[in-house]
Amino acid sequence: MSSAHPETDHDRIREWAESHGGRPAKVETEGEGGILRLDFQEPDEDLIEIDWTEFFEIFEDRKLALLLPEGRDSRFNKFVSRD
């Protein structure tokens, strides 16, 4: 069974996402920010593509970490609280 590790380093997150064909995105919600996502392959019409600057502003504001897989082939990822 594969394991995942929490990542907070912006460069590592961006590098991992882009190496897997991911783009920064969010789900629009009431209030500020939105729910962060990484969009892979064909754009998901329910997601709004954003730039990395906005992505990491929301990421830091919400004090998030991104769980990433130990294996190189998996696109598994999950946003979690740093606490």
PDB file of N, CA and C in Angstrom:
ATOM      1  N   MET A   1       0.843  -1.183   0.000  1.00  0.00           N
ATOM      2  CA  MET A   1       0.000   0.000   0.000  1.00  0.00           C
ATOM      3  C   MET A   1       0.883   1.239   0.000  1.00  0.00           C
ATOM      4  N   SER A   2       0.575   2.199  -0.850  1.00  0.00           N
ATOM      5  CA  SER A   2       1.342   3.428  -0.934  1.00  0.00           C
ATOM      6  C   SER A   2       0.999   4.344   0.222  1.00  0.00           C
ATOM      7  N   SER A   3       1.942   5.211   0.537  1.00  0.00           N
ATOM      8  CA  SER A   3       1.686   6.188   1.581  1.00  0.00           C
ATOM      9  C   SER A   3       1.795   7.587   0.986  1.00  0.00           C
ATOM     10  N   ALA A   4       1.321   8.558   1.750  1.00  0.00           N
ATOM     11  CA  ALA A   4       1.356   9.948   1.308  1.00  0.00           C
ATOM     12  C   ALA A   4       2.028  10.779   2.397  1.00  0.00           C
ATOM     13  N   HIS A   5       2.580  11.901   1.993  1.00  0.00           N
ATOM     14  CA  HIS A   5       3.214  12.799   2.953  1.00  0.00           C
ATOM     15  C   HIS A   5       2.689  14.220   2.753  1.00  0.00           C
ATOM     16  N   PRO A   6       2.576  14.994   3.834  1.00  0.00           N
ATOM     17  CA  PRO A   6       2.110  16.369   3.704  1.00  0.00           C
ATOM     18  C   PRO A   6       3.227  17.262   3.162  1.00  0.00           C
ATOM     19  N   GLU A   7       2.889  18.105   2.216  1.00  0.00           N
ATOM     20  CA  GLU A   7       3.861  19.024   1.606  1.00  0.00           C
ATOM     21  C   GLU A   7       3.351  20.454   1.728  1.00  0.00           C
ATOM     22  N   THR A   8       4.234  21.370   2.106  1.00  0.00           N
ATOM     23  CA  THR A   8       3.873  22.790   2.183  1.00  0.00           C
ATOM     24  C   THR A   8       4.778  23.655   1.316  1.00  0.00           C
ATOM     25  N   ASP A   9       5.854  23.096   0.801  1.00  0.00           N
ATOM     26  CA  ASP A   9       6.793  23.861  -0.020  1.00  0.00           C
ATOM     27  C   ASP A   9       6.161  24.183  -1.376  1.00  0.00           C
ATOM     28  N   HIS A  10       6.034  25.459  -1.675  1.00  0.00           N
ATOM     29  CA  HIS A  10       5.354  25.904  -2.902  1.00  0.00           C
ATOM     30  C   HIS A  10       6.025  25.362  -4.157  1.00  0.00           C
ATOM     31  N   ASP A  11       7.348  25.418  -4.194  1.00  0.00           N
ATOM     32  CA  ASP A  11       8.047  24.940  -5.387  1.00  0.00           C
ATOM     33  C   ASP A  11       7.836  23.448  -5.613  1.00  0.00           C
ATOM     34  N   ARG A  12       7.879  22.676  -4.546  1.00  0.00           N
ATOM     35  CA  ARG A  12       7.678  21.226  -4.681  1.00  0.00           C
ATOM     36  C   ARG A  12       6.250  20.907  -5.114  1.00  0.00           C
ATOM     37  N   ILE A  13       5.271  21.620  -4.553  1.00  0.00           N
ATOM     38  CA  ILE A  13       3.879  21.393  -4.939  1.00  0.00           C
ATOM     39  C   ILE A  13       3.682  21.723  -6.417  1.00  0.00           C
ATOM     40  N   ARG A  14       4.179  22.870  -6.832  1.00  0.00           N
ATOM     41  CA  ARG A  14       4.019  23.281  -8.235  1.00  0.00           C
ATOM     42  C   ARG A  14       4.722  22.297  -9.168  1.00  0.00           C
ATOM     43  N   GLU A  15       5.938  21.905  -8.807  1.00  0.00           N
ATOM     44  CA  GLU A  15       6.684  20.954  -9.634  1.00  0.00           C
ATOM     45  C   GLU A  15       5.945  19.623  -9.748  1.00  0.00           C
ATOM     46  N   TRP A  16       5.421  19.115  -8.618  1.00  0.00           N
ATOM     47  CA  TRP A  16       4.689  17.850  -8.640  1.00  0.00           C
ATOM     48  C   TRP A  16       3.445  17.983  -9.527  1.00  0.00           C
ATOM     49  N   ALA A  17       2.666  19.040  -9.307  1.00  0.00           N
ATOM     50  CA  ALA A  17       1.428  19.222 -10.075  1.00  0.00           C
ATOM     51  C   ALA A  17       1.715  19.301 -11.574  1.00  0.00           C
ATOM     52  N   GLU A  18       2.662  20.147 -11.951  1.00  0.00           N
ATOM     53  CA  GLU A  18       2.959  20.325 -13.377  1.00  0.00           C
ATOM     54  C   GLU A  18       3.535  19.058 -14.000  1.00  0.00           C
ATOM     55  N   SER A  19       4.301  18.289 -13.240  1.00  0.00           N
ATOM     56  CA  SER A  19       4.861  17.048 -13.788  1.00  0.00           C
ATOM     57  C   SER A  19       3.780  15.996 -14.021  1.00  0.00           C
ATOM     58  N   HIS A  20       2.617  16.171 -13.397  1.00  0.00           N
ATOM     59  CA  HIS A  20       1.482  15.270 -13.572  1.00  0.00           C
ATOM     60  C   HIS A  20       0.373  15.894 -14.430  1.00  0.00           C
ATOM     61  N   GLY A  21       0.672  17.031 -15.060  1.00  0.00           N
ATOM     62  CA  GLY A  21      -0.312  17.682 -15.923  1.00  0.00           C
ATOM     63  C   GLY A  21      -1.359  18.478 -15.170  1.00  0.00           C
ATOM     64  N   GLY A  22      -1.064  18.839 -13.921  1.00  0.00           N
ATOM     65  CA  GLY A  22      -2.031  19.569 -13.097  1.00  0.00           C
ATOM     66  C   GLY A  22      -1.903  21.080 -13.223  1.00  0.00           C
ATOM     67  N   ARG A  23      -3.045  21.737 -13.058  1.00  0.00           N
ATOM     68  CA  ARG A  23      -3.119  23.196 -13.084  1.00  0.00           C
ATOM     69  C   ARG A  23      -3.839  23.669 -11.819  1.00  0.00           C
ATOM     70  N   PRO A  24      -3.461  24.831 -11.292  1.00  0.00           N
ATOM     71  CA  PRO A  24      -4.149  25.341 -10.110  1.00  0.00           C
ATOM     72  C   PRO A  24      -5.563  25.778 -10.461  1.00  0.00           C
ATOM     73  N   ALA A  25      -6.506  25.440  -9.576  1.00  0.00           N
ATOM     74  CA  ALA A  25      -7.905  25.769  -9.818  1.00  0.00           C
ATOM     75  C   ALA A  25      -8.622  25.894  -8.477  1.00  0.00           C
ATOM     76  N   LYS A  26      -9.859  26.366  -8.564  1.00  0.00           N
ATOM     77  CA  LYS A  26     -10.679  26.445  -7.355  1.00  0.00           C
ATOM     78  C   LYS A  26     -12.137  26.253  -7.725  1.00  0.00           C
ATOM     79  N   VAL A  27     -12.915  25.890  -6.712  1.00  0.00           N
ATOM     80  CA  VAL A  27     -14.362  25.834  -6.820  1.00  0.00           C
ATOM     81  C   VAL A  27     -14.856  27.130  -6.201  1.00  0.00           C
ATOM     82  N   GLU A  28     -15.663  27.870  -6.930  1.00  0.00           N
ATOM     83  CA  GLU A  28     -16.187  29.132  -6.413  1.00  0.00           C
ATOM     84  C   GLU A  28     -17.164  28.853  -5.282  1.00  0.00           C
ATOM     85  N   THR A  29     -17.019  29.616  -4.203  1.00  0.00           N
ATOM     86  CA  THR A  29     -17.914  29.488  -3.048  1.00  0.00           C
ATOM     87  C   THR A  29     -18.323  30.872  -2.578  1.00  0.00           C
ATOM     88  N   GLU A  30     -19.277  30.906  -1.678  1.00  0.00           N
ATOM     89  CA  GLU A  30     -19.640  32.171  -1.041  1.00  0.00           C
ATOM     90  C   GLU A  30     -18.436  32.668  -0.246  1.00  0.00           C
ATOM     91  N   GLY A  31     -18.224  33.963  -0.206  1.00  0.00           N
ATOM     92  CA  GLY A  31     -17.111  34.507   0.563  1.00  0.00           C
ATOM     93  C   GLY A  31     -15.826  34.508  -0.241  1.00  0.00           C
ATOM     94  N   GLU A  32     -14.729  34.710   0.465  1.00  0.00           N
ATOM     95  CA  GLU A  32     -13.427  34.849  -0.196  1.00  0.00           C
ATOM     96  C   GLU A  32     -12.775  33.506  -0.481  1.00  0.00           C
ATOM     97  N   GLY A  33     -11.956  33.506  -1.504  1.00  0.00           N
ATOM     98  CA  GLY A  33     -11.124  32.347  -1.801  1.00  0.00           C
ATOM     99  C   GLY A  33     -11.787  31.331  -2.675  1.00  0.00           C
ATOM    100  N   GLY A  34     -12.381  30.357  -2.092  1.00  0.00           N
ATOM    101  CA  GLY A  34     -12.923  29.224  -2.811  1.00  0.00           C
ATOM    102  C   GLY A  34     -12.261  27.971  -2.279  1.00  0.00           C
ATOM    103  N   ILE A  35     -12.606  26.841  -2.852  1.00  0.00           N
ATOM    104  CA  ILE A  35     -12.029  25.567  -2.441  1.00  0.00           C
ATOM    105  C   ILE A  35     -10.952  25.198  -3.447  1.00  0.00           C
ATOM    106  N   LEU A  36      -9.720  25.040  -2.968  1.00  0.00           N
ATOM    107  CA  LEU A  36      -8.615  24.745  -3.873  1.00  0.00           C
ATOM    108  C   LEU A  36      -8.712  23.344  -4.453  1.00  0.00           C
ATOM    109  N   ARG A  37      -8.272  23.230  -5.694  1.00  0.00           N
ATOM    110  CA  ARG A  37      -8.193  21.950  -6.390  1.00  0.00           C
ATOM    111  C   ARG A  37      -6.988  21.997  -7.332  1.00  0.00           C
ATOM    112  N   LEU A  38      -6.553  20.842  -7.759  1.00  0.00           N
ATOM    113  CA  LEU A  38      -5.619  20.724  -8.873  1.00  0.00           C
ATOM    114  C   LEU A  38      -6.397  20.053  -9.992  1.00  0.00           C
ATOM    115  N   ASP A  39      -6.407  20.678 -11.155  1.00  0.00           N
ATOM    116  CA  ASP A  39      -7.159  20.175 -12.303  1.00  0.00           C
ATOM    117  C   ASP A  39      -6.192  19.453 -13.233  1.00  0.00           C
ATOM    118  N   PHE A  40      -6.527  18.211 -13.588  1.00  0.00           N
ATOM    119  CA  PHE A  40      -5.656  17.392 -14.434  1.00  0.00           C
ATOM    120  C   PHE A  40      -6.313  17.132 -15.785  1.00  0.00           C
ATOM    121  N   GLN A  41      -5.496  17.057 -16.814  1.00  0.00           N
ATOM    122  CA  GLN A  41      -5.901  16.750 -18.184  1.00  0.00           C
ATOM    123  C   GLN A  41      -6.905  17.763 -18.716  1.00  0.00           C
ATOM    124  N   GLU A  42      -8.024  17.304 -19.230  1.00  0.00           N
ATOM    125  CA  GLU A  42      -9.014  18.222 -19.794  1.00  0.00           C
ATOM    126  C   GLU A  42      -9.576  19.099 -18.676  1.00  0.00           C
ATOM    127  N   PRO A  43      -9.711  20.408 -18.934  1.00  0.00           N
ATOM    128  CA  PRO A  43     -10.245  21.286 -17.889  1.00  0.00           C
ATOM    129  C   PRO A  43     -11.633  20.839 -17.424  1.00  0.00           C
ATOM    130  N   ASP A  44     -11.836  20.834 -16.127  1.00  0.00           N
ATOM    131  CA  ASP A  44     -13.116  20.493 -15.511  1.00  0.00           C
ATOM    132  C   ASP A  44     -13.981  21.749 -15.519  1.00  0.00           C
ATOM    133  N   GLU A  45     -15.147  21.693 -16.131  1.00  0.00           N
ATOM    134  CA  GLU A  45     -15.991  22.882 -16.275  1.00  0.00           C
ATOM    135  C   GLU A  45     -16.517  23.400 -14.942  1.00  0.00           C
ATOM    136  N   ASP A  46     -16.464  22.593 -13.881  1.00  0.00           N
ATOM    137  CA  ASP A  46     -16.900  23.040 -12.564  1.00  0.00           C
ATOM    138  C   ASP A  46     -15.805  23.795 -11.808  1.00  0.00           C
ATOM    139  N   LEU A  47     -14.598  23.802 -12.373  1.00  0.00           N
ATOM    140  CA  LEU A  47     -13.471  24.472 -11.725  1.00  0.00           C
ATOM    141  C   LEU A  47     -13.104  25.750 -12.457  1.00  0.00           C
ATOM    142  N   ILE A  48     -12.603  26.705 -11.700  1.00  0.00           N
ATOM    143  CA  ILE A  48     -12.105  27.962 -12.257  1.00  0.00           C
ATOM    144  C   ILE A  48     -10.582  27.904 -12.205  1.00  0.00           C
ATOM    145  N   GLU A  49      -9.934  27.979 -13.365  1.00  0.00           N
ATOM    146  CA  GLU A  49      -8.477  27.962 -13.385  1.00  0.00           C
ATOM    147  C   GLU A  49      -7.956  29.285 -12.827  1.00  0.00           C
ATOM    148  N   ILE A  50      -6.962  29.206 -11.936  1.00  0.00           N
ATOM    149  CA  ILE A  50      -6.353  30.387 -11.328  1.00  0.00           C
ATOM    150  C   ILE A  50      -4.847  30.294 -11.529  1.00  0.00           C
ATOM    151  N   ASP A  51      -4.140  31.387 -11.252  1.00  0.00           N
ATOM    152  CA  ASP A  51      -2.683  31.324 -11.377  1.00  0.00           C
ATOM    153  C   ASP A  51      -2.080  30.824 -10.061  1.00  0.00           C
ATOM    154  N   TRP A  52      -0.801  30.482 -10.121  1.00  0.00           N
ATOM    155  CA  TRP A  52      -0.140  29.930  -8.943  1.00  0.00           C
ATOM    156  C   TRP A  52      -0.078  30.936  -7.805  1.00  0.00           C
ATOM    157  N   THR A  53       0.020  32.222  -8.110  1.00  0.00           N
ATOM    158  CA  THR A  53       0.068  33.237  -7.050  1.00  0.00           C
ATOM    159  C   THR A  53      -1.211  33.205  -6.222  1.00  0.00           C
ATOM    160  N   GLU A  54      -2.375  33.227  -6.883  1.00  0.00           N
ATOM    161  CA  GLU A  54      -3.647  33.172  -6.164  1.00  0.00           C
ATOM    162  C   GLU A  54      -3.789  31.842  -5.424  1.00  0.00           C
ATOM    163  N   PHE A  55      -3.399  30.764  -6.067  1.00  0.00           N
ATOM    164  CA  PHE A  55      -3.464  29.441  -5.455  1.00  0.00           C
ATOM    165  C   PHE A  55      -2.723  29.428  -4.118  1.00  0.00           C
ATOM    166  N   PHE A  56      -1.479  29.908  -4.125  1.00  0.00           N
ATOM    167  CA  PHE A  56      -0.680  29.856  -2.899  1.00  0.00           C
ATOM    168  C   PHE A  56      -1.099  30.910  -1.868  1.00  0.00           C
ATOM    169  N   GLU A  57      -1.725  31.997  -2.299  1.00  0.00           N
ATOM    170  CA  GLU A  57      -2.288  32.953  -1.339  1.00  0.00           C
ATOM    171  C   GLU A  57      -3.408  32.281  -0.542  1.00  0.00           C
ATOM    172  N   ILE A  58      -4.291  31.574  -1.225  1.00  0.00           N
ATOM    173  CA  ILE A  58      -5.376  30.851  -0.556  1.00  0.00           C
ATOM    174  C   ILE A  58      -4.794  29.727   0.299  1.00  0.00           C
ATOM    175  N   PHE A  59      -3.822  29.007  -0.238  1.00  0.00           N
ATOM    176  CA  PHE A  59      -3.156  27.900   0.453  1.00  0.00           C
ATOM    177  C   PHE A  59      -2.591  28.365   1.791  1.00  0.00           C
ATOM    178  N   GLU A  60      -1.899  29.489   1.787  1.00  0.00           N
ATOM    179  CA  GLU A  60      -1.288  30.021   3.015  1.00  0.00           C
ATOM    180  C   GLU A  60      -2.336  30.614   3.949  1.00  0.00           C
ATOM    181  N   ASP A  61      -3.301  31.331   3.396  1.00  0.00           N
ATOM    182  CA  ASP A  61      -4.349  31.936   4.211  1.00  0.00           C
ATOM    183  C   ASP A  61      -5.110  30.877   5.008  1.00  0.00           C
ATOM    184  N   ARG A  62      -5.314  29.727   4.397  1.00  0.00           N
ATOM    185  CA  ARG A  62      -6.061  28.635   5.040  1.00  0.00           C
ATOM    186  C   ARG A  62      -5.160  27.687   5.828  1.00  0.00           C
ATOM    187  N   LYS A  63      -3.842  27.955   5.801  1.00  0.00           N
ATOM    188  CA  LYS A  63      -2.853  27.117   6.498  1.00  0.00           C
ATOM    189  C   LYS A  63      -3.006  25.640   6.110  1.00  0.00           C
ATOM    190  N   LEU A  64      -2.925  25.407   4.802  1.00  0.00           N
ATOM    191  CA  LEU A  64      -3.097  24.066   4.263  1.00  0.00           C
ATOM    192  C   LEU A  64      -1.761  23.375   4.018  1.00  0.00           C
ATOM    193  N   ALA A  65      -1.824  22.080   3.909  1.00  0.00           N
ATOM    194  CA  ALA A  65      -0.743  21.237   3.395  1.00  0.00           C
ATOM    195  C   ALA A  65      -1.382  20.371   2.321  1.00  0.00           C
ATOM    196  N   LEU A  66      -0.574  19.866   1.417  1.00  0.00           N
ATOM    197  CA  LEU A  66      -1.078  19.000   0.357  1.00  0.00           C
ATOM    198  C   LEU A  66      -0.490  17.607   0.548  1.00  0.00           C
ATOM    199  N   LEU A  67      -1.363  16.630   0.760  1.00  0.00           N
ATOM    200  CA  LEU A  67      -0.892  15.249   0.849  1.00  0.00           C
ATOM    201  C   LEU A  67      -0.543  14.773  -0.552  1.00  0.00           C
ATOM    202  N   LEU A  68       0.678  14.301  -0.703  1.00  0.00           N
ATOM    203  CA  LEU A  68       1.151  13.803  -1.994  1.00  0.00           C
ATOM    204  C   LEU A  68       1.612  12.367  -1.843  1.00  0.00           C
ATOM    205  N   PRO A  69       1.451  11.573  -2.895  1.00  0.00           N
ATOM    206  CA  PRO A  69       1.838  10.162  -2.822  1.00  0.00           C
ATOM    207  C   PRO A  69       3.346   9.993  -2.847  1.00  0.00           C
ATOM    208  N   GLU A  70       3.786   8.909  -2.249  1.00  0.00           N
ATOM    209  CA  GLU A  70       5.208   8.563  -2.297  1.00  0.00           C
ATOM    210  C   GLU A  70       5.589   8.067  -3.683  1.00  0.00           C
ATOM    211  N   GLY A  71       4.684   7.365  -4.353  1.00  0.00           N
ATOM    212  CA  GLY A  71       4.952   6.838  -5.691  1.00  0.00           C
ATOM    213  C   GLY A  71       4.894   7.936  -6.739  1.00  0.00           C
ATOM    214  N   ARG A  72       5.627   7.773  -7.819  1.00  0.00           N
ATOM    215  CA  ARG A  72       5.719   8.806  -8.846  1.00  0.00           C
ATOM    216  C   ARG A  72       4.531   8.810  -9.810  1.00  0.00           C
ATOM    217  N   ASP A  73       3.858   7.678  -9.995  1.00  0.00           N
ATOM    218  CA  ASP A  73       2.828   7.580 -11.016  1.00  0.00           C
ATOM    219  C   ASP A  73       1.448   8.041 -10.564  1.00  0.00           C
ATOM    220  N   SER A  74       1.210   8.068  -9.291  1.00  0.00           N
ATOM    221  CA  SER A  74      -0.112   8.407  -8.777  1.00  0.00           C
ATOM    222  C   SER A  74      -0.347   9.919  -8.799  1.00  0.00           C
ATOM    223  N   ARG A  75      -1.594  10.300  -9.109  1.00  0.00           N
ATOM    224  CA  ARG A  75      -1.979  11.712  -9.041  1.00  0.00           C
ATOM    225  C   ARG A  75      -2.783  11.991  -7.775  1.00  0.00           C
ATOM    226  N   PHE A  76      -2.800  11.021  -6.859  1.00  0.00           N
ATOM    227  CA  PHE A  76      -3.508  11.227  -5.608  1.00  0.00           C
ATOM    228  C   PHE A  76      -3.006  12.515  -4.955  1.00  0.00           C
ATOM    229  N   ASN A  77      -3.931  13.327  -4.467  1.00  0.00           N
ATOM    230  CA  ASN A  77      -3.569  14.498  -3.666  1.00  0.00           C
ATOM    231  C   ASN A  77      -4.788  14.896  -2.852  1.00  0.00           C
ATOM    232  N   LYS A  78      -4.519  15.507  -1.711  1.00  0.00           N
ATOM    233  CA  LYS A  78      -5.607  15.925  -0.839  1.00  0.00           C
ATOM    234  C   LYS A  78      -5.137  17.102  -0.003  1.00  0.00           C
ATOM    235  N   PHE A  79      -5.956  18.143   0.050  1.00  0.00           N
ATOM    236  CA  PHE A  79      -5.639  19.287   0.883  1.00  0.00           C
ATOM    237  C   PHE A  79      -6.061  19.001   2.315  1.00  0.00           C
ATOM    238  N   VAL A  80      -5.157  19.244   3.266  1.00  0.00           N
ATOM    239  CA  VAL A  80      -5.435  19.018   4.679  1.00  0.00           C
ATOM    240  C   VAL A  80      -4.923  20.210   5.482  1.00  0.00           C
ATOM    241  N   SER A  81      -5.428  20.322   6.696  1.00  0.00           N
ATOM    242  CA  SER A  81      -4.960  21.365   7.595  1.00  0.00           C
ATOM    243  C   SER A  81      -3.555  21.054   8.067  1.00  0.00           C
ATOM    244  N   ARG A  82      -2.745  22.077   8.265  1.00  0.00           N
ATOM    245  CA  ARG A  82      -1.400  21.860   8.808  1.00  0.00           C
ATOM    246  C   ARG A  82      -1.448  21.507  10.285  1.00  0.00           C
ATOM    247  N   ASP A  83      -2.546  21.776  10.938  1.00  0.00           N
ATOM    248  CA  ASP A  83      -2.636  21.519  12.392  1.00  0.00           C
ATOM    249  C   ASP A  83      -2.805  20.089  12.714  1.00  0.00           C
TER     250      ASP A  83
END
